[in-house]
Amino acid sequence: MTHTHRLLLLCTALLTSFNFCQAAEPADLASAEQEVRESVIAFNRAYELNDLNAYFLFYQDDATLWFNQDFVSLESYKKDWHQLVENGGAVEKNIVSDLEIKVSPNADAAVAAYRLEVQTRMPDGQVTRDLSQESDTWFKADGEWRIAHIHYVSQPQP
């Protein structure tokens, strides 16, 4: 076997071993999109039901959160929401619309962008109504989709 043949065989072996660099199959992309869609709906449903344990399970431990013009730590967000609910506040309505999902070529990351109509009752009885836009960055690890980053912008309504 000549040096050229060996080199060709080596190159062929290397190229076939790099399958992990290839994009996912269309069926895998469609499946990932559906999984993310279901996760977004379940995430927002848990929020609307004030099921804080289920809601916060959707976040990665190191998730970054950008609410309006501020970064918020996940720990302070958890503390604030638990305090609101413990003091009698609650989300009363959380309607998702215009959901768009873009999945990464490897089907292991996705961005979900959507609008929300949110109504929240504060502990003092005041009700706030917001129209919001949200985009979530989801990563799949160990077979589970989790939020790595969230960007939420709200517009209070009368």
C-alpha atoms as a PDB file:
ATOM      1  CA  MET A   1       0.000   0.000   0.000  1.00  0.00           C
ATOM      2  CA  THR A   2       1.436   3.338  -1.026  1.00  0.00           C
ATOM      3  CA  HIS A   3       1.746   6.374   1.200  1.00  0.00           C
ATOM      4  CA  THR A   4      -1.035   8.073  -0.807  1.00  0.00           C
ATOM      5  CA  HIS A   5      -3.416   5.142  -0.286  1.00  0.00           C
ATOM      6  CA  ARG A   6      -2.714   5.112   3.450  1.00  0.00           C
ATOM      7  CA  LEU A   7      -3.313   8.835   3.624  1.00  0.00           C
ATOM      8  CA  LEU A   8      -6.597   8.459   1.728  1.00  0.00           C
ATOM      9  CA  LEU A   9      -7.744   5.661   4.051  1.00  0.00           C
ATOM     10  CA  LEU A  10      -6.796   7.701   7.099  1.00  0.00           C
ATOM     11  CA  CYS A  11      -8.647  10.761   5.793  1.00  0.00           C
ATOM     12  CA  THR A  12     -11.728   8.645   5.003  1.00  0.00           C
ATOM     13  CA  ALA A  13     -11.675   7.105   8.478  1.00  0.00           C
ATOM     14  CA  LEU A  14     -11.310  10.501  10.104  1.00  0.00           C
ATOM     15  CA  LEU A  15     -14.130  12.023   8.074  1.00  0.00           C
ATOM     16  CA  THR A  16     -16.508   9.191   8.878  1.00  0.00           C
ATOM     17  CA  SER A  17     -15.631   9.411  12.574  1.00  0.00           C
ATOM     18  CA  PHE A  18     -16.678  13.067  12.679  1.00  0.00           C
ATOM     19  CA  ASN A  19     -20.404  12.350  12.351  1.00  0.00           C
ATOM     20  CA  PHE A  20     -21.046  14.408  15.462  1.00  0.00           C
ATOM     21  CA  CYS A  21     -20.249  17.503  13.408  1.00  0.00           C
ATOM     22  CA  GLN A  22     -23.063  16.823  10.999  1.00  0.00           C
ATOM     23  CA  ALA A  23     -26.430  18.469  11.346  1.00  0.00           C
ATOM     24  CA  ALA A  24     -29.338  16.484  12.724  1.00  0.00           C
ATOM     25  CA  GLU A  25     -31.754  14.783  10.352  1.00  0.00           C
ATOM     26  CA  PRO A  26     -34.944  16.716   9.471  1.00  0.00           C
ATOM     27  CA  ALA A  27     -37.031  14.304  11.583  1.00  0.00           C
ATOM     28  CA  ASP A  28     -34.769  14.986  14.583  1.00  0.00           C
ATOM     29  CA  LEU A  29     -35.144  18.733  14.063  1.00  0.00           C
ATOM     30  CA  ALA A  30     -38.934  18.430  13.866  1.00  0.00           C
ATOM     31  CA  SER A  31     -38.961  16.260  16.987  1.00  0.00           C
ATOM     32  CA  ALA A  32     -36.752  18.742  18.858  1.00  0.00           C
ATOM     33  CA  GLU A  33     -39.015  21.619  17.813  1.00  0.00           C
ATOM     34  CA  GLN A  34     -42.065  19.747  19.111  1.00  0.00           C
ATOM     35  CA  GLU A  35     -40.314  18.937  22.388  1.00  0.00           C
ATOM     36  CA  VAL A  36     -39.383  22.587  22.884  1.00  0.00           C
ATOM     37  CA  ARG A  37     -42.920  23.702  21.970  1.00  0.00           C
ATOM     38  CA  GLU A  38     -44.336  21.342  24.613  1.00  0.00           C
ATOM     39  CA  SER A  39     -41.752  22.535  27.139  1.00  0.00           C
ATOM     40  CA  VAL A  40     -42.624  26.198  26.509  1.00  0.00           C
ATOM     41  CA  ILE A  41     -46.330  25.459  26.975  1.00  0.00           C
ATOM     42  CA  ALA A  42     -45.713  23.419  30.160  1.00  0.00           C
ATOM     43  CA  PHE A  43     -43.349  26.108  31.511  1.00  0.00           C
ATOM     44  CA  ASN A  44     -45.933  28.840  30.984  1.00  0.00           C
ATOM     45  CA  ARG A  45     -48.744  26.652  32.325  1.00  0.00           C
ATOM     46  CA  ALA A  46     -46.803  26.050  35.561  1.00  0.00           C
ATOM     47  CA  TYR A  47     -46.317  29.822  35.816  1.00  0.00           C
ATOM     48  CA  GLU A  48     -50.041  30.457  35.341  1.00  0.00           C
ATOM     49  CA  LEU A  49     -50.927  27.815  37.937  1.00  0.00           C
ATOM     50  CA  ASN A  50     -48.417  29.319  40.400  1.00  0.00           C
ATOM     51  CA  ASP A  51     -46.805  25.879  40.631  1.00  0.00           C
ATOM     52  CA  LEU A  52     -43.429  27.290  41.580  1.00  0.00           C
ATOM     53  CA  ASN A  53     -41.739  23.917  42.082  1.00  0.00           C
ATOM     54  CA  ALA A  54     -42.645  22.809  38.545  1.00  0.00           C
ATOM     55  CA  TYR A  55     -41.963  26.265  37.098  1.00  0.00           C
ATOM     56  CA  PHE A  56     -38.437  26.588  38.463  1.00  0.00           C
ATOM     57  CA  LEU A  57     -37.487  23.066  37.355  1.00  0.00           C
ATOM     58  CA  PHE A  58     -37.443  24.383  33.780  1.00  0.00           C
ATOM     59  CA  TYR A  59     -34.430  26.606  34.533  1.00  0.00           C
ATOM     60  CA  GLN A  60     -30.828  25.464  34.460  1.00  0.00           C
ATOM     61  CA  ASP A  61     -29.095  26.181  37.770  1.00  0.00           C
ATOM     62  CA  ASP A  62     -26.831  28.710  36.054  1.00  0.00           C
ATOM     63  CA  ALA A  63     -29.538  30.342  33.910  1.00  0.00           C
ATOM     64  CA  THR A  64     -29.267  34.026  33.158  1.00  0.00           C
ATOM     65  CA  LEU A  65     -32.393  36.165  33.337  1.00  0.00           C
ATOM     66  CA  TRP A  66     -32.912  39.561  31.734  1.00  0.00           C
ATOM     67  CA  PHE A  67     -36.174  41.170  32.842  1.00  0.00           C
ATOM     68  CA  ASN A  68     -36.936  44.495  31.183  1.00  0.00           C
ATOM     69  CA  GLN A  69     -33.649  46.392  31.651  1.00  0.00           C
ATOM     70  CA  ASP A  70     -32.040  44.365  34.422  1.00  0.00           C
ATOM     71  CA  PHE A  71     -30.225  41.114  34.872  1.00  0.00           C
ATOM     72  CA  VAL A  72     -31.767  39.186  37.761  1.00  0.00           C
ATOM     73  CA  SER A  73     -30.216  36.215  39.509  1.00  0.00           C
ATOM     74  CA  LEU A  74     -32.217  33.020  39.490  1.00  0.00           C
ATOM     75  CA  GLU A  75     -31.991  32.846  43.286  1.00  0.00           C
ATOM     76  CA  SER A  76     -33.437  36.332  43.812  1.00  0.00           C
ATOM     77  CA  TYR A  77     -36.174  35.625  41.252  1.00  0.00           C
ATOM     78  CA  LYS A  78     -37.116  32.424  43.084  1.00  0.00           C
ATOM     79  CA  LYS A  79     -37.136  34.261  46.409  1.00  0.00           C
ATOM     80  CA  ASP A  80     -39.330  37.083  45.051  1.00  0.00           C
ATOM     81  CA  TRP A  81     -41.897  34.715  43.490  1.00  0.00           C
ATOM     82  CA  HIS A  82     -42.130  32.490  46.537  1.00  0.00           C
ATOM     83  CA  GLN A  83     -42.638  35.582  48.696  1.00  0.00           C
ATOM     84  CA  LEU A  84     -45.334  36.968  46.369  1.00  0.00           C
ATOM     85  CA  VAL A  85     -47.297  33.701  46.409  1.00  0.00           C
ATOM     86  CA  GLU A  86     -46.822  33.137  50.161  1.00  0.00           C
ATOM     87  CA  ASN A  87     -48.219  36.633  50.790  1.00  0.00           C
ATOM     88  CA  GLY A  88     -51.375  36.006  48.740  1.00  0.00           C
ATOM     89  CA  GLY A  89     -50.294  37.149  45.278  1.00  0.00           C
ATOM     90  CA  ALA A  90     -50.718  35.011  42.194  1.00  0.00           C
ATOM     91  CA  VAL A  91     -50.570  34.903  38.431  1.00  0.00           C
ATOM     92  CA  GLU A  92     -54.202  34.860  37.316  1.00  0.00           C
ATOM     93  CA  LYS A  93     -53.700  34.680  33.558  1.00  0.00           C
ATOM     94  CA  ASN A  94     -50.759  33.873  31.299  1.00  0.00           C
ATOM     95  CA  ILE A  95     -51.689  33.481  27.632  1.00  0.00           C
ATOM     96  CA  VAL A  96     -49.004  32.527  25.098  1.00  0.00           C
ATOM     97  CA  SER A  97     -49.342  33.647  21.475  1.00  0.00           C
ATOM     98  CA  ASP A  98     -47.211  33.978  18.339  1.00  0.00           C
ATOM     99  CA  LEU A  99     -44.841  31.203  19.446  1.00  0.00           C
ATOM    100  CA  GLU A 100     -41.866  30.797  17.103  1.00  0.00           C
ATOM    101  CA  ILE A 101     -39.145  28.208  17.658  1.00  0.00           C
ATOM    102  CA  LYS A 102     -35.750  27.934  15.982  1.00  0.00           C
ATOM    103  CA  VAL A 103     -33.772  24.752  16.633  1.00  0.00           C
ATOM    104  CA  SER A 104     -29.985  24.480  16.322  1.00  0.00           C
ATOM    105  CA  PRO A 105     -28.580  22.313  13.509  1.00  0.00           C
ATOM    106  CA  ASN A 106     -27.626  19.643  16.070  1.00  0.00           C
ATOM    107  CA  ALA A 107     -31.104  19.673  17.679  1.00  0.00           C
ATOM    108  CA  ASP A 108     -29.635  20.299  21.142  1.00  0.00           C
ATOM    109  CA  ALA A 109     -30.417  23.998  21.513  1.00  0.00           C
ATOM    110  CA  ALA A 110     -33.352  26.186  20.573  1.00  0.00           C
ATOM    111  CA  VAL A 111     -34.733  29.685  20.877  1.00  0.00           C
ATOM    112  CA  ALA A 112     -38.421  30.180  21.587  1.00  0.00           C
ATOM    113  CA  ALA A 113     -39.853  33.659  21.051  1.00  0.00           C
ATOM    114  CA  TYR A 114     -43.431  34.576  21.892  1.00  0.00           C
ATOM    115  CA  ARG A 115     -45.882  37.098  23.246  1.00  0.00           C
ATOM    116  CA  LEU A 116     -47.623  36.884  26.595  1.00  0.00           C
ATOM    117  CA  GLU A 117     -50.713  38.417  28.090  1.00  0.00           C
ATOM    118  CA  VAL A 118     -50.127  38.307  31.853  1.00  0.00           C
ATOM    119  CA  GLN A 119     -52.426  39.276  34.684  1.00  0.00           C
ATOM    120  CA  THR A 120     -51.028  39.205  38.223  1.00  0.00           C
ATOM    121  CA  ARG A 121     -52.765  39.824  41.541  1.00  0.00           C
ATOM    122  CA  MET A 122     -50.465  41.456  44.060  1.00  0.00           C
ATOM    123  CA  PRO A 123     -50.670  40.604  47.778  1.00  0.00           C
ATOM    124  CA  ASP A 124     -52.449  43.947  48.410  1.00  0.00           C
ATOM    125  CA  GLY A 125     -55.174  42.973  45.897  1.00  0.00           C
ATOM    126  CA  GLN A 126     -53.986  45.261  43.096  1.00  0.00           C
ATOM    127  CA  VAL A 127     -54.122  43.565  39.670  1.00  0.00           C
ATOM    128  CA  THR A 128     -51.501  44.268  37.031  1.00  0.00           C
ATOM    129  CA  ARG A 129     -51.953  43.538  33.336  1.00  0.00           C
ATOM    130  CA  ASP A 130     -48.992  43.296  31.013  1.00  0.00           C
ATOM    131  CA  LEU A 131     -48.438  42.574  27.351  1.00  0.00           C
ATOM    132  CA  SER A 132     -44.985  41.058  27.111  1.00  0.00           C
ATOM    133  CA  GLN A 133     -42.482  39.612  24.719  1.00  0.00           C
ATOM    134  CA  GLU A 134     -40.253  36.770  25.795  1.00  0.00           C
ATOM    135  CA  SER A 135     -37.429  34.839  24.253  1.00  0.00           C
ATOM    136  CA  ASP A 136     -35.991  31.756  25.908  1.00  0.00           C
ATOM    137  CA  THR A 137     -32.806  29.919  25.037  1.00  0.00           C
ATOM    138  CA  TRP A 138     -33.249  26.210  25.695  1.00  0.00           C
ATOM    139  CA  PHE A 139     -30.488  23.572  25.889  1.00  0.00           C
ATOM    140  CA  LYS A 140     -31.038  19.846  25.881  1.00  0.00           C
ATOM    141  CA  ALA A 141     -28.888  17.904  28.332  1.00  0.00           C
ATOM    142  CA  ASP A 142     -29.417  14.425  29.728  1.00  0.00           C
ATOM    143  CA  GLY A 143     -32.592  14.141  27.625  1.00  0.00           C
ATOM    144  CA  GLU A 144     -34.237  17.217  29.188  1.00  0.00           C
ATOM    145  CA  TRP A 145     -34.841  20.689  27.778  1.00  0.00           C
ATOM    146  CA  ARG A 146     -33.939  23.474  30.238  1.00  0.00           C
ATOM    147  CA  ILE A 147     -33.841  27.244  29.985  1.00  0.00           C
ATOM    148  CA  ALA A 148     -30.309  28.633  29.867  1.00  0.00           C
ATOM    149  CA  HIS A 149     -31.346  32.244  29.266  1.00  0.00           C
ATOM    150  CA  ILE A 150     -34.566  34.228  29.297  1.00  0.00           C
ATOM    151  CA  HIS A 151     -35.229  37.756  28.042  1.00  0.00           C
ATOM    152  CA  TYR A 152     -38.570  39.182  29.127  1.00  0.00           C
ATOM    153  CA  VAL A 153     -39.897  42.649  28.293  1.00  0.00           C
ATOM    154  CA  SER A 154     -43.257  43.768  29.641  1.00  0.00           C
ATOM    155  CA  GLN A 155     -45.508  46.690  28.799  1.00  0.00           C
ATOM    156  CA  PRO A 156     -48.012  47.526  31.547  1.00  0.00           C
ATOM    157  CA  GLN A 157     -51.601  47.931  30.338  1.00  0.00           C
ATOM    158  CA  PRO A 158     -54.363  50.005  31.912  1.00  0.00           C
END
